[in-house]
PDB file of N, CA and C in Angstrom:
ATOM      1  N   MET A   1     -21.075  -4.518   4.622  1.00  0.00           N
ATOM      2  CA  MET A   1     -21.317  -3.114   4.330  1.00  0.00           C
ATOM      3  C   MET A   1     -19.979  -2.418   4.111  1.00  0.00           C
ATOM      4  N   THR A   2     -19.842  -1.710   3.018  1.00  0.00           N
ATOM      5  CA  THR A   2     -18.611  -1.029   2.682  1.00  0.00           C
ATOM      6  C   THR A   2     -18.570   0.343   3.341  1.00  0.00           C
ATOM      7  N   ALA A   3     -17.448   0.626   4.018  1.00  0.00           N
ATOM      8  CA  ALA A   3     -17.268   1.931   4.649  1.00  0.00           C
ATOM      9  C   ALA A   3     -17.095   3.000   3.573  1.00  0.00           C
ATOM     10  N   LYS A   4     -17.539   4.181   3.853  1.00  0.00           N
ATOM     11  CA  LYS A   4     -17.390   5.294   2.918  1.00  0.00           C
ATOM     12  C   LYS A   4     -15.983   5.875   3.029  1.00  0.00           C
ATOM     13  N   PRO A   5     -15.347   6.165   1.886  1.00  0.00           N
ATOM     14  CA  PRO A   5     -14.012   6.774   1.936  1.00  0.00           C
ATOM     15  C   PRO A   5     -14.064   8.173   2.538  1.00  0.00           C
ATOM     16  N   GLN A   6     -13.069   8.485   3.346  1.00  0.00           N
ATOM     17  CA  GLN A   6     -13.010   9.786   3.999  1.00  0.00           C
ATOM     18  C   GLN A   6     -12.024  10.739   3.339  1.00  0.00           C
ATOM     19  N   SER A   7     -11.147  10.206   2.506  1.00  0.00           N
ATOM     20  CA  SER A   7     -10.164  11.038   1.824  1.00  0.00           C
ATOM     21  C   SER A   7      -9.863  10.402   0.475  1.00  0.00           C
ATOM     22  N   SER A   8      -8.877  10.926  -0.216  1.00  0.00           N
ATOM     23  CA  SER A   8      -8.543  10.376  -1.529  1.00  0.00           C
ATOM     24  C   SER A   8      -7.801   9.050  -1.386  1.00  0.00           C
ATOM     25  N   ALA A   9      -7.765   8.288  -2.454  1.00  0.00           N
ATOM     26  CA  ALA A   9      -7.055   7.011  -2.460  1.00  0.00           C
ATOM     27  C   ALA A   9      -5.574   7.235  -2.148  1.00  0.00           C
ATOM     28  N   SER A  10      -4.993   8.238  -2.732  1.00  0.00           N
ATOM     29  CA  SER A  10      -3.575   8.537  -2.509  1.00  0.00           C
ATOM     30  C   SER A  10      -3.309   8.926  -1.055  1.00  0.00           C
ATOM     31  N   LYS A  11      -4.180   9.732  -0.479  1.00  0.00           N
ATOM     32  CA  LYS A  11      -3.997  10.144   0.918  1.00  0.00           C
ATOM     33  C   LYS A  11      -4.094   8.957   1.860  1.00  0.00           C
ATOM     34  N   GLU A  12      -5.004   8.025   1.574  1.00  0.00           N
ATOM     35  CA  GLU A  12      -5.109   6.836   2.419  1.00  0.00           C
ATOM     36  C   GLU A  12      -3.870   5.970   2.304  1.00  0.00           C
ATOM     37  N   ALA A  13      -3.334   5.854   1.094  1.00  0.00           N
ATOM     38  CA  ALA A  13      -2.099   5.088   0.899  1.00  0.00           C
ATOM     39  C   ALA A  13      -0.966   5.717   1.695  1.00  0.00           C
ATOM     40  N   LYS A  14      -0.829   7.020   1.605  1.00  0.00           N
ATOM     41  CA  LYS A  14       0.229   7.726   2.339  1.00  0.00           C
ATOM     42  C   LYS A  14       0.044   7.602   3.843  1.00  0.00           C
ATOM     43  N   ALA A  15      -1.184   7.666   4.308  1.00  0.00           N
ATOM     44  CA  ALA A  15      -1.456   7.548   5.738  1.00  0.00           C
ATOM     45  C   ALA A  15      -1.073   6.162   6.258  1.00  0.00           C
ATOM     46  N   ALA A  16      -1.077   5.170   5.377  1.00  0.00           N
ATOM     47  CA  ALA A  16      -0.704   3.808   5.764  1.00  0.00           C
ATOM     48  C   ALA A  16       0.800   3.571   5.669  1.00  0.00           C
ATOM     49  N   GLY A  17       1.554   4.616   5.286  1.00  0.00           N
ATOM     50  CA  GLY A  17       3.009   4.498   5.221  1.00  0.00           C
ATOM     51  C   GLY A  17       3.571   4.202   3.845  1.00  0.00           C
ATOM     52  N   LEU A  18       2.727   4.281   2.842  1.00  0.00           N
ATOM     53  CA  LEU A  18       3.181   4.052   1.473  1.00  0.00           C
ATOM     54  C   LEU A  18       3.520   5.391   0.828  1.00  0.00           C
ATOM     55  N   GLU A  19       4.379   5.349  -0.183  1.00  0.00           N
ATOM     56  CA  GLU A  19       4.802   6.595  -0.836  1.00  0.00           C
ATOM     57  C   GLU A  19       3.665   7.252  -1.612  1.00  0.00           C
ATOM     58  N   SER A  20       2.897   6.426  -2.314  1.00  0.00           N
ATOM     59  CA  SER A  20       1.857   6.957  -3.192  1.00  0.00           C
ATOM     60  C   SER A  20       0.974   5.821  -3.680  1.00  0.00           C
ATOM     61  N   LEU A  21      -0.047   6.176  -4.432  1.00  0.00           N
ATOM     62  CA  LEU A  21      -0.884   5.170  -5.058  1.00  0.00           C
ATOM     63  C   LEU A  21      -0.080   4.415  -6.120  1.00  0.00           C
ATOM     64  N   ALA A  22       0.901   5.075  -6.705  1.00  0.00           N
ATOM     65  CA  ALA A  22       1.763   4.411  -7.689  1.00  0.00           C
ATOM     66  C   ALA A  22       2.539   3.258  -7.041  1.00  0.00           C
ATOM     67  N   GLU A  23       2.948   3.419  -5.794  1.00  0.00           N
ATOM     68  CA  GLU A  23       3.633   2.335  -5.101  1.00  0.00           C
ATOM     69  C   GLU A  23       2.679   1.157  -4.882  1.00  0.00           C
ATOM     70  N   VAL A  24       1.433   1.434  -4.535  1.00  0.00           N
ATOM     71  CA  VAL A  24       0.430   0.376  -4.381  1.00  0.00           C
ATOM     72  C   VAL A  24       0.247  -0.340  -5.719  1.00  0.00           C
ATOM     73  N   SER A  25       0.193   0.416  -6.786  1.00  0.00           N
ATOM     74  CA  SER A  25       0.060  -0.147  -8.122  1.00  0.00           C
ATOM     75  C   SER A  25       1.245  -1.052  -8.457  1.00  0.00           C
ATOM     76  N   ALA A  26       2.441  -0.621  -8.108  1.00  0.00           N
ATOM     77  CA  ALA A  26       3.639  -1.422  -8.379  1.00  0.00           C
ATOM     78  C   ALA A  26       3.626  -2.723  -7.577  1.00  0.00           C
ATOM     79  N   ILE A  27       3.179  -2.682  -6.352  1.00  0.00           N
ATOM     80  CA  ILE A  27       3.142  -3.878  -5.505  1.00  0.00           C
ATOM     81  C   ILE A  27       2.066  -4.849  -5.981  1.00  0.00           C
ATOM     82  N   THR A  28       0.900  -4.331  -6.335  1.00  0.00           N
ATOM     83  CA  THR A  28      -0.238  -5.193  -6.664  1.00  0.00           C
ATOM     84  C   THR A  28      -0.336  -5.564  -8.136  1.00  0.00           C
ATOM     85  N   GLY A  29       0.257  -4.751  -8.986  1.00  0.00           N
ATOM     86  CA  GLY A  29       0.100  -4.965 -10.423  1.00  0.00           C
ATOM     87  C   GLY A  29      -1.222  -4.442 -10.958  1.00  0.00           C
ATOM     88  N   LYS A  30      -1.959  -3.715 -10.126  1.00  0.00           N
ATOM     89  CA  LYS A  30      -3.245  -3.143 -10.533  1.00  0.00           C
ATOM     90  C   LYS A  30      -3.048  -1.702 -10.983  1.00  0.00           C
ATOM     91  N   HIS A  31      -3.756  -1.310 -12.009  1.00  0.00           N
ATOM     92  CA  HIS A  31      -3.676   0.058 -12.535  1.00  0.00           C
ATOM     93  C   HIS A  31      -4.192   1.033 -11.471  1.00  0.00           C
ATOM     94  N   PRO A  32      -3.578   2.212 -11.378  1.00  0.00           N
ATOM     95  CA  PRO A  32      -4.060   3.207 -10.410  1.00  0.00           C
ATOM     96  C   PRO A  32      -5.550   3.524 -10.562  1.00  0.00           C
ATOM     97  N   ASN A  33      -6.063   3.505 -11.775  1.00  0.00           N
ATOM     98  CA  ASN A  33      -7.501   3.758 -11.962  1.00  0.00           C
ATOM     99  C   ASN A  33      -8.346   2.680 -11.290  1.00  0.00           C
ATOM    100  N   THR A  34      -7.868   1.435 -11.338  1.00  0.00           N
ATOM    101  CA  THR A  34      -8.576   0.341 -10.668  1.00  0.00           C
ATOM    102  C   THR A  34      -8.578   0.571  -9.167  1.00  0.00           C
ATOM    103  N   LEU A  35      -7.426   0.956  -8.633  1.00  0.00           N
ATOM    104  CA  LEU A  35      -7.327   1.218  -7.199  1.00  0.00           C
ATOM    105  C   LEU A  35      -8.237   2.369  -6.781  1.00  0.00           C
ATOM    106  N   THR A  36      -8.278   3.402  -7.597  1.00  0.00           N
ATOM    107  CA  THR A  36      -9.144   4.548  -7.310  1.00  0.00           C
ATOM    108  C   THR A  36     -10.614   4.131  -7.344  1.00  0.00           C
ATOM    109  N   ARG A  37     -10.973   3.284  -8.297  1.00  0.00           N
ATOM    110  CA  ARG A  37     -12.350   2.791  -8.370  1.00  0.00           C
ATOM    111  C   ARG A  37     -12.681   1.955  -7.138  1.00  0.00           C
ATOM    112  N   TRP A  38     -11.745   1.096  -6.711  1.00  0.00           N
ATOM    113  CA  TRP A  38     -11.961   0.307  -5.492  1.00  0.00           C
ATOM    114  C   TRP A  38     -12.150   1.227  -4.296  1.00  0.00           C
ATOM    115  N   HIS A  39     -11.354   2.290  -4.236  1.00  0.00           N
ATOM    116  CA  HIS A  39     -11.461   3.251  -3.143  1.00  0.00           C
ATOM    117  C   HIS A  39     -12.876   3.812  -3.067  1.00  0.00           C
ATOM    118  N   LYS A  40     -13.436   4.099  -4.221  1.00  0.00           N
ATOM    119  CA  LYS A  40     -14.777   4.695  -4.273  1.00  0.00           C
ATOM    120  C   LYS A  40     -15.886   3.657  -4.088  1.00  0.00           C
ATOM    121  N   ASP A  41     -15.779   2.524  -4.794  1.00  0.00           N
ATOM    122  CA  ASP A  41     -16.895   1.584  -4.864  1.00  0.00           C
ATOM    123  C   ASP A  41     -16.750   0.352  -3.969  1.00  0.00           C
ATOM    124  N   GLU A  42     -15.534  -0.007  -3.631  1.00  0.00           N
ATOM    125  CA  GLU A  42     -15.257  -1.204  -2.817  1.00  0.00           C
ATOM    126  C   GLU A  42     -14.244  -0.826  -1.731  1.00  0.00           C
ATOM    127  N   HIS A  43     -14.634   0.106  -0.888  1.00  0.00           N
ATOM    128  CA  HIS A  43     -13.683   0.700   0.047  1.00  0.00           C
ATOM    129  C   HIS A  43     -13.074  -0.314   1.011  1.00  0.00           C
ATOM    130  N   ASP A  44     -13.841  -1.284   1.463  1.00  0.00           N
ATOM    131  CA  ASP A  44     -13.272  -2.299   2.359  1.00  0.00           C
ATOM    132  C   ASP A  44     -12.174  -3.096   1.650  1.00  0.00           C
ATOM    133  N   LEU A  45     -12.397  -3.443   0.388  1.00  0.00           N
ATOM    134  CA  LEU A  45     -11.377  -4.129  -0.407  1.00  0.00           C
ATOM    135  C   LEU A  45     -10.148  -3.238  -0.549  1.00  0.00           C
ATOM    136  N   PHE A  46     -10.360  -1.972  -0.870  1.00  0.00           N
ATOM    137  CA  PHE A  46      -9.250  -1.038  -1.017  1.00  0.00           C
ATOM    138  C   PHE A  46      -8.421  -0.961   0.270  1.00  0.00           C
ATOM    139  N   ARG A  47      -9.094  -0.871   1.409  1.00  0.00           N
ATOM    140  CA  ARG A  47      -8.376  -0.785   2.685  1.00  0.00           C
ATOM    141  C   ARG A  47      -7.574  -2.051   2.943  1.00  0.00           C
ATOM    142  N   ALA A  48      -8.131  -3.197   2.617  1.00  0.00           N
ATOM    143  CA  ALA A  48      -7.400  -4.457   2.801  1.00  0.00           C
ATOM    144  C   ALA A  48      -6.158  -4.480   1.922  1.00  0.00           C
ATOM    145  N   VAL A  49      -6.288  -4.014   0.701  1.00  0.00           N
ATOM    146  CA  VAL A  49      -5.137  -3.959  -0.213  1.00  0.00           C
ATOM    147  C   VAL A  49      -4.080  -3.007   0.331  1.00  0.00           C
ATOM    148  N   ILE A  50      -4.487  -1.843   0.803  1.00  0.00           N
ATOM    149  CA  ILE A  50      -3.546  -0.852   1.335  1.00  0.00           C
ATOM    150  C   ILE A  50      -2.802  -1.419   2.543  1.00  0.00           C
ATOM    151  N   PHE A  51      -3.515  -2.033   3.455  1.00  0.00           N
ATOM    152  CA  PHE A  51      -2.855  -2.583   4.637  1.00  0.00           C
ATOM    153  C   PHE A  51      -1.930  -3.727   4.265  1.00  0.00           C
ATOM    154  N   GLY A  52      -2.322  -4.533   3.294  1.00  0.00           N
ATOM    155  CA  GLY A  52      -1.451  -5.604   2.817  1.00  0.00           C
ATOM    156  C   GLY A  52      -0.190  -5.056   2.181  1.00  0.00           C
ATOM    157  N   CYS A  53      -0.325  -4.028   1.376  1.00  0.00           N
ATOM    158  CA  CYS A  53       0.846  -3.399   0.746  1.00  0.00           C
ATOM    159  C   CYS A  53       1.770  -2.780   1.785  1.00  0.00           C
ATOM    160  N   ALA A  54       1.194  -2.153   2.794  1.00  0.00           N
ATOM    161  CA  ALA A  54       2.010  -1.562   3.862  1.00  0.00           C
ATOM    162  C   ALA A  54       2.790  -2.651   4.592  1.00  0.00           C
ATOM    163  N   GLN A  55       2.174  -3.792   4.816  1.00  0.00           N
ATOM    164  CA  GLN A  55       2.862  -4.906   5.478  1.00  0.00           C
ATOM    165  C   GLN A  55       3.976  -5.446   4.596  1.00  0.00           C
ATOM    166  N   ILE A  56       3.723  -5.591   3.308  1.00  0.00           N
ATOM    167  CA  ILE A  56       4.749  -6.055   2.372  1.00  0.00           C
ATOM    168  C   ILE A  56       5.929  -5.091   2.379  1.00  0.00           C
ATOM    169  N   LYS A  57       5.653  -3.801   2.357  1.00  0.00           N
ATOM    170  CA  LYS A  57       6.721  -2.798   2.364  1.00  0.00           C
ATOM    171  C   LYS A  57       7.529  -2.879   3.661  1.00  0.00           C
ATOM    172  N   THR A  58       6.859  -3.008   4.790  1.00  0.00           N
ATOM    173  CA  THR A  58       7.541  -3.108   6.081  1.00  0.00           C
ATOM    174  C   THR A  58       8.444  -4.337   6.122  1.00  0.00           C
ATOM    175  N   GLU A  59       7.942  -5.466   5.678  1.00  0.00           N
ATOM    176  CA  GLU A  59       8.735  -6.692   5.684  1.00  0.00           C
ATOM    177  C   GLU A  59       9.932  -6.584   4.754  1.00  0.00           C
ATOM    178  N   ALA A  60       9.762  -5.963   3.593  1.00  0.00           N
ATOM    179  CA  ALA A  60      10.869  -5.781   2.648  1.00  0.00           C
ATOM    180  C   ALA A  60      11.946  -4.873   3.245  1.00  0.00           C
ATOM    181  N   GLU A  61      11.523  -3.802   3.920  1.00  0.00           N
ATOM    182  CA  GLU A  61      12.495  -2.895   4.550  1.00  0.00           C
ATOM    183  C   GLU A  61      13.251  -3.600   5.673  1.00  0.00           C
ATOM    184  N   GLU A  62      12.565  -4.405   6.464  1.00  0.00           N
ATOM    185  CA  GLU A  62      13.226  -5.146   7.536  1.00  0.00           C
ATOM    186  C   GLU A  62      14.222  -6.145   6.958  1.00  0.00           C
ATOM    187  N   HIS A  63      13.858  -6.790   5.876  1.00  0.00           N
ATOM    188  CA  HIS A  63      14.758  -7.747   5.226  1.00  0.00           C
ATOM    189  C   HIS A  63      16.007  -7.041   4.724  1.00  0.00           C
ATOM    190  N   ARG A  64      15.838  -5.862   4.102  1.00  0.00           N
ATOM    191  CA  ARG A  64      16.996  -5.090   3.623  1.00  0.00           C
ATOM    192  C   ARG A  64      17.896  -4.686   4.782  1.00  0.00           C
ATOM    193  N   ARG A  65      17.314  -4.257   5.889  1.00  0.00           N
ATOM    194  CA  ARG A  65      18.129  -3.851   7.051  1.00  0.00           C
ATOM    195  C   ARG A  65      18.924  -5.033   7.597  1.00  0.00           C
ATOM    196  N   ARG A  66      18.288  -6.185   7.689  1.00  0.00           N
ATOM    197  CA  ARG A  66      18.999  -7.376   8.176  1.00  0.00           C
ATOM    198  C   ARG A  66      20.105  -7.775   7.221  1.00  0.00           C
ATOM    199  N   SER A  67      19.836  -7.677   5.919  1.00  0.00           N
ATOM    200  CA  SER A  67      20.837  -8.057   4.917  1.00  0.00           C
ATOM    201  C   SER A  67      22.046  -7.128   4.974  1.00  0.00           C
ATOM    202  N   VAL A  68      21.796  -5.834   5.112  1.00  0.00           N
ATOM    203  CA  VAL A  68      22.885  -4.861   5.199  1.00  0.00           C
ATOM    204  C   VAL A  68      23.684  -5.075   6.469  1.00  0.00           C
ATOM    205  N   ALA A  69      23.020  -5.366   7.570  1.00  0.00           N
ATOM    206  CA  ALA A  69      23.701  -5.570   8.845  1.00  0.00           C
ATOM    207  C   ALA A  69      24.594  -6.811   8.798  1.00  0.00           C
ATOM    208  N   MET A  70      24.268  -7.772   7.967  1.00  0.00           N
ATOM    209  CA  MET A  70      25.032  -9.004   7.891  1.00  0.00           C
ATOM    210  C   MET A  70      26.215  -8.901   6.937  1.00  0.00           C
ATOM    211  N   CYS A  71      26.241  -7.878   6.086  1.00  0.00           N
ATOM    212  CA  CYS A  71      27.324  -7.735   5.122  1.00  0.00           C
ATOM    213  C   CYS A  71      28.584  -7.242   5.807  1.00  0.00           C
ATOM    214  N   PRO A  72      29.740  -7.882   5.497  1.00  0.00           N
ATOM    215  CA  PRO A  72      30.999  -7.400   6.083  1.00  0.00           C
ATOM    216  C   PRO A  72      31.380  -6.048   5.479  1.00  0.00           C
ATOM    217  N   LYS A  73      32.043  -5.246   6.276  1.00  0.00           N
ATOM    218  CA  LYS A  73      32.451  -3.915   5.816  1.00  0.00           C
ATOM    219  C   LYS A  73      33.839  -3.945   5.250  1.00  0.00           C
TER     220      LYS A  73
END
């Protein structure tokens, strides 16, 4: 059973720590219209994608921090 969306696709992306739906689109390669449709019609899928993108972003930021910390000054 698919949960009903409580807010806009962009607001859910932002609430998960992403900049925007455009950032989700850049990570997934899916058009924003596709993501918006998933938000409306396949909300569980949309939520899984959002949480996956948030995890990818977190891991990328941690990798950048470690890389910067290892660089000599």
